[in-house]
Amino acid sequence: MAVVAVTEILVKLAGPILTNLGFSGCVGAAAGYALKKVGQVVALCVGVAFLFIQGLAYTGFITVNWTNVHSAVTNALDVNKDGKVDADDFKPLVSKGLGALSQGVPSVGGFLAGFLMALRSF
């Protein structure tokens, strides 16, 4: 009986949200959630790799030229080639990425609302 009561509560809470978002919003939320989780895994991998490399450098097994690493990363991320990585470099990437994700979706507004909701909430 408790399962039925909890189900009723969930339907009452989630029903209006799902109705307003519709299919596009739900797909957008799923895409936003997936992107957030993938981003967390990538951040974890980069962090672990840095710790491993820095540990090897600290113990003398390798030497890392962090100035060259910084230059290479800056060159790769500097889309507008102004010599610095800033918000202007990410605007075209975000615009192109969201355009690709929402291509052909019935309601782009619903998709973007769901996408942003998932990035902020989940």
C-alpha atoms as a PDB file:
ATOM      1  CA  MET A   1       0.000   0.000   0.000  1.00  0.00           C
ATOM      2  CA  ALA A   2       2.909   2.376   0.698  1.00  0.00           C
ATOM      3  CA  VAL A   3       4.114   1.987  -2.886  1.00  0.00           C
ATOM      4  CA  VAL A   4       0.749   3.157  -4.214  1.00  0.00           C
ATOM      5  CA  ALA A   5       0.808   6.210  -1.940  1.00  0.00           C
ATOM      6  CA  VAL A   6       4.334   7.154  -2.989  1.00  0.00           C
ATOM      7  CA  THR A   7       3.405   6.653  -6.647  1.00  0.00           C
ATOM      8  CA  GLU A   8       0.448   9.011  -6.255  1.00  0.00           C
ATOM      9  CA  ILE A   9       2.662  11.649  -4.654  1.00  0.00           C
ATOM     10  CA  LEU A  10       5.259  11.352  -7.434  1.00  0.00           C
ATOM     11  CA  VAL A  11       2.616  11.636 -10.139  1.00  0.00           C
ATOM     12  CA  LYS A  12       1.172  14.741  -8.468  1.00  0.00           C
ATOM     13  CA  LEU A  13       4.617  16.335  -8.204  1.00  0.00           C
ATOM     14  CA  ALA A  14       6.071  15.321 -11.571  1.00  0.00           C
ATOM     15  CA  GLY A  15       2.901  15.427 -13.659  1.00  0.00           C
ATOM     16  CA  PRO A  16       2.714  19.209 -14.152  1.00  0.00           C
ATOM     17  CA  ILE A  17       6.436  19.422 -14.891  1.00  0.00           C
ATOM     18  CA  LEU A  18       6.305  16.672 -17.504  1.00  0.00           C
ATOM     19  CA  THR A  19       3.165  18.120 -19.074  1.00  0.00           C
ATOM     20  CA  ASN A  20       4.706  21.581 -19.426  1.00  0.00           C
ATOM     21  CA  LEU A  21       8.027  20.347 -20.735  1.00  0.00           C
ATOM     22  CA  GLY A  22       6.610  17.775 -23.123  1.00  0.00           C
ATOM     23  CA  PHE A  23       8.692  15.446 -25.240  1.00  0.00           C
ATOM     24  CA  SER A  24      11.315  18.018 -26.230  1.00  0.00           C
ATOM     25  CA  GLY A  25      11.824  19.100 -22.645  1.00  0.00           C
ATOM     26  CA  CYS A  26      12.223  15.523 -21.453  1.00  0.00           C
ATOM     27  CA  VAL A  27      14.749  14.788 -24.196  1.00  0.00           C
ATOM     28  CA  GLY A  28      16.563  18.024 -23.343  1.00  0.00           C
ATOM     29  CA  ALA A  29      16.640  17.088 -19.659  1.00  0.00           C
ATOM     30  CA  ALA A  30      18.047  13.664 -20.504  1.00  0.00           C
ATOM     31  CA  ALA A  31      20.716  15.223 -22.732  1.00  0.00           C
ATOM     32  CA  GLY A  32      21.618  17.791 -20.069  1.00  0.00           C
ATOM     33  CA  TYR A  33      21.838  15.120 -17.392  1.00  0.00           C
ATOM     34  CA  ALA A  34      24.038  12.940 -19.612  1.00  0.00           C
ATOM     35  CA  LEU A  35      26.315  15.869 -20.484  1.00  0.00           C
ATOM     36  CA  LYS A  36      26.684  16.788 -16.828  1.00  0.00           C
ATOM     37  CA  LYS A  37      27.608  13.223 -15.863  1.00  0.00           C
ATOM     38  CA  VAL A  38      30.066  12.876 -18.763  1.00  0.00           C
ATOM     39  CA  GLY A  39      31.622  16.193 -17.741  1.00  0.00           C
ATOM     40  CA  GLN A  40      32.068  14.930 -14.199  1.00  0.00           C
ATOM     41  CA  VAL A  41      33.756  11.755 -15.441  1.00  0.00           C
ATOM     42  CA  VAL A  42      36.059  13.772 -17.717  1.00  0.00           C
ATOM     43  CA  ALA A  43      36.956  16.093 -14.822  1.00  0.00           C
ATOM     44  CA  LEU A  44      37.680  13.072 -12.625  1.00  0.00           C
ATOM     45  CA  CYS A  45      39.925  11.519 -15.297  1.00  0.00           C
ATOM     46  CA  VAL A  46      41.820  14.770 -15.874  1.00  0.00           C
ATOM     47  CA  GLY A  47      42.275  15.225 -12.130  1.00  0.00           C
ATOM     48  CA  VAL A  48      43.533  11.674 -11.603  1.00  0.00           C
ATOM     49  CA  ALA A  49      45.888  11.992 -14.585  1.00  0.00           C
ATOM     50  CA  PHE A  50      47.263  15.261 -13.192  1.00  0.00           C
ATOM     51  CA  LEU A  51      47.802  13.720  -9.756  1.00  0.00           C
ATOM     52  CA  PHE A  52      49.563  10.720 -11.310  1.00  0.00           C
ATOM     53  CA  ILE A  53      51.812  12.844 -13.551  1.00  0.00           C
ATOM     54  CA  GLN A  54      52.581  15.300 -10.770  1.00  0.00           C
ATOM     55  CA  GLY A  55      53.402  12.412  -8.432  1.00  0.00           C
ATOM     56  CA  LEU A  56      55.835  10.987 -10.984  1.00  0.00           C
ATOM     57  CA  ALA A  57      57.389  14.432 -11.442  1.00  0.00           C
ATOM     58  CA  TYR A  58      57.686  14.960  -7.690  1.00  0.00           C
ATOM     59  CA  THR A  59      59.450  11.630  -7.185  1.00  0.00           C
ATOM     60  CA  GLY A  60      61.850  12.365 -10.058  1.00  0.00           C
ATOM     61  CA  PHE A  61      60.688   9.728 -12.527  1.00  0.00           C
ATOM     62  CA  ILE A  62      59.706  12.312 -15.143  1.00  0.00           C
ATOM     63  CA  THR A  63      60.131  16.007 -15.824  1.00  0.00           C
ATOM     64  CA  VAL A  64      57.115  17.992 -16.980  1.00  0.00           C
ATOM     65  CA  ASN A  65      57.462  21.325 -18.733  1.00  0.00           C
ATOM     66  CA  TRP A  66      54.208  22.887 -17.499  1.00  0.00           C
ATOM     67  CA  THR A  67      54.862  26.033 -19.545  1.00  0.00           C
ATOM     68  CA  ASN A  68      54.702  23.974 -22.749  1.00  0.00           C
ATOM     69  CA  VAL A  69      51.606  22.142 -21.496  1.00  0.00           C
ATOM     70  CA  HIS A  70      49.926  25.469 -20.730  1.00  0.00           C
ATOM     71  CA  SER A  71      50.789  26.832 -24.187  1.00  0.00           C
ATOM     72  CA  ALA A  72      49.478  23.711 -25.933  1.00  0.00           C
ATOM     73  CA  VAL A  73      46.211  23.742 -23.975  1.00  0.00           C
ATOM     74  CA  THR A  74      45.741  27.469 -24.566  1.00  0.00           C
ATOM     75  CA  ASN A  75      46.334  27.042 -28.309  1.00  0.00           C
ATOM     76  CA  ALA A  76      43.831  24.179 -28.453  1.00  0.00           C
ATOM     77  CA  LEU A  77      41.093  26.030 -26.528  1.00  0.00           C
ATOM     78  CA  ASP A  78      41.653  29.519 -27.983  1.00  0.00           C
ATOM     79  CA  VAL A  79      39.041  29.353 -30.755  1.00  0.00           C
ATOM     80  CA  ASN A  80      39.224  33.019 -31.769  1.00  0.00           C
ATOM     81  CA  LYS A  81      43.065  33.046 -31.591  1.00  0.00           C
ATOM     82  CA  ASP A  82      43.335  36.191 -29.475  1.00  0.00           C
ATOM     83  CA  GLY A  83      45.947  34.616 -27.187  1.00  0.00           C
ATOM     84  CA  LYS A  84      43.687  33.982 -24.209  1.00  0.00           C
ATOM     85  CA  VAL A  85      40.953  31.542 -23.286  1.00  0.00           C
ATOM     86  CA  ASP A  86      37.807  33.403 -22.253  1.00  0.00           C
ATOM     87  CA  ALA A  87      34.030  33.380 -22.673  1.00  0.00           C
ATOM     88  CA  ASP A  88      34.350  34.561 -26.281  1.00  0.00           C
ATOM     89  CA  ASP A  89      36.060  31.261 -27.128  1.00  0.00           C
ATOM     90  CA  PHE A  90      33.231  29.169 -25.747  1.00  0.00           C
ATOM     91  CA  LYS A  91      30.262  31.053 -27.209  1.00  0.00           C
ATOM     92  CA  PRO A  92      30.629  29.592 -30.729  1.00  0.00           C
ATOM     93  CA  LEU A  93      31.230  26.110 -29.332  1.00  0.00           C
ATOM     94  CA  VAL A  94      28.162  26.242 -27.092  1.00  0.00           C
ATOM     95  CA  SER A  95      26.032  27.687 -29.878  1.00  0.00           C
ATOM     96  CA  LYS A  96      27.149  25.026 -32.354  1.00  0.00           C
ATOM     97  CA  GLY A  97      26.721  22.233 -29.785  1.00  0.00           C
ATOM     98  CA  LEU A  98      23.224  23.274 -28.729  1.00  0.00           C
ATOM     99  CA  GLY A  99      22.256  23.755 -32.366  1.00  0.00           C
ATOM    100  CA  ALA A 100      23.391  20.226 -33.176  1.00  0.00           C
ATOM    101  CA  LEU A 101      21.623  18.737 -30.147  1.00  0.00           C
ATOM    102  CA  SER A 102      18.330  20.503 -30.846  1.00  0.00           C
ATOM    103  CA  GLN A 103      18.335  19.917 -34.622  1.00  0.00           C
ATOM    104  CA  GLY A 104      14.938  18.567 -35.674  1.00  0.00           C
ATOM    105  CA  VAL A 105      13.502  18.516 -32.140  1.00  0.00           C
ATOM    106  CA  PRO A 106       9.807  19.557 -32.236  1.00  0.00           C
ATOM    107  CA  SER A 107      10.207  22.349 -29.673  1.00  0.00           C
ATOM    108  CA  VAL A 108      13.661  23.896 -29.408  1.00  0.00           C
ATOM    109  CA  GLY A 109      12.487  26.079 -26.514  1.00  0.00           C
ATOM    110  CA  GLY A 110      11.255  23.052 -24.577  1.00  0.00           C
ATOM    111  CA  PHE A 111      14.483  21.202 -25.337  1.00  0.00           C
ATOM    112  CA  LEU A 112      16.637  24.091 -24.116  1.00  0.00           C
ATOM    113  CA  ALA A 113      14.494  24.536 -20.999  1.00  0.00           C
ATOM    114  CA  GLY A 114      14.851  20.855 -20.133  1.00  0.00           C
ATOM    115  CA  PHE A 115      18.557  20.896 -20.970  1.00  0.00           C
ATOM    116  CA  LEU A 116      19.278  23.885 -18.729  1.00  0.00           C
ATOM    117  CA  MET A 117      17.046  22.532 -15.971  1.00  0.00           C
ATOM    118  CA  ALA A 118      19.027  19.289 -15.941  1.00  0.00           C
ATOM    119  CA  LEU A 119      22.366  21.082 -15.885  1.00  0.00           C
ATOM    120  CA  ARG A 120      21.277  23.151 -12.894  1.00  0.00           C
ATOM    121  CA  SER A 121      19.247  20.567 -10.962  1.00  0.00           C
ATOM    122  CA  PHE A 122      20.430  17.013 -11.261  1.00  0.00           C
END
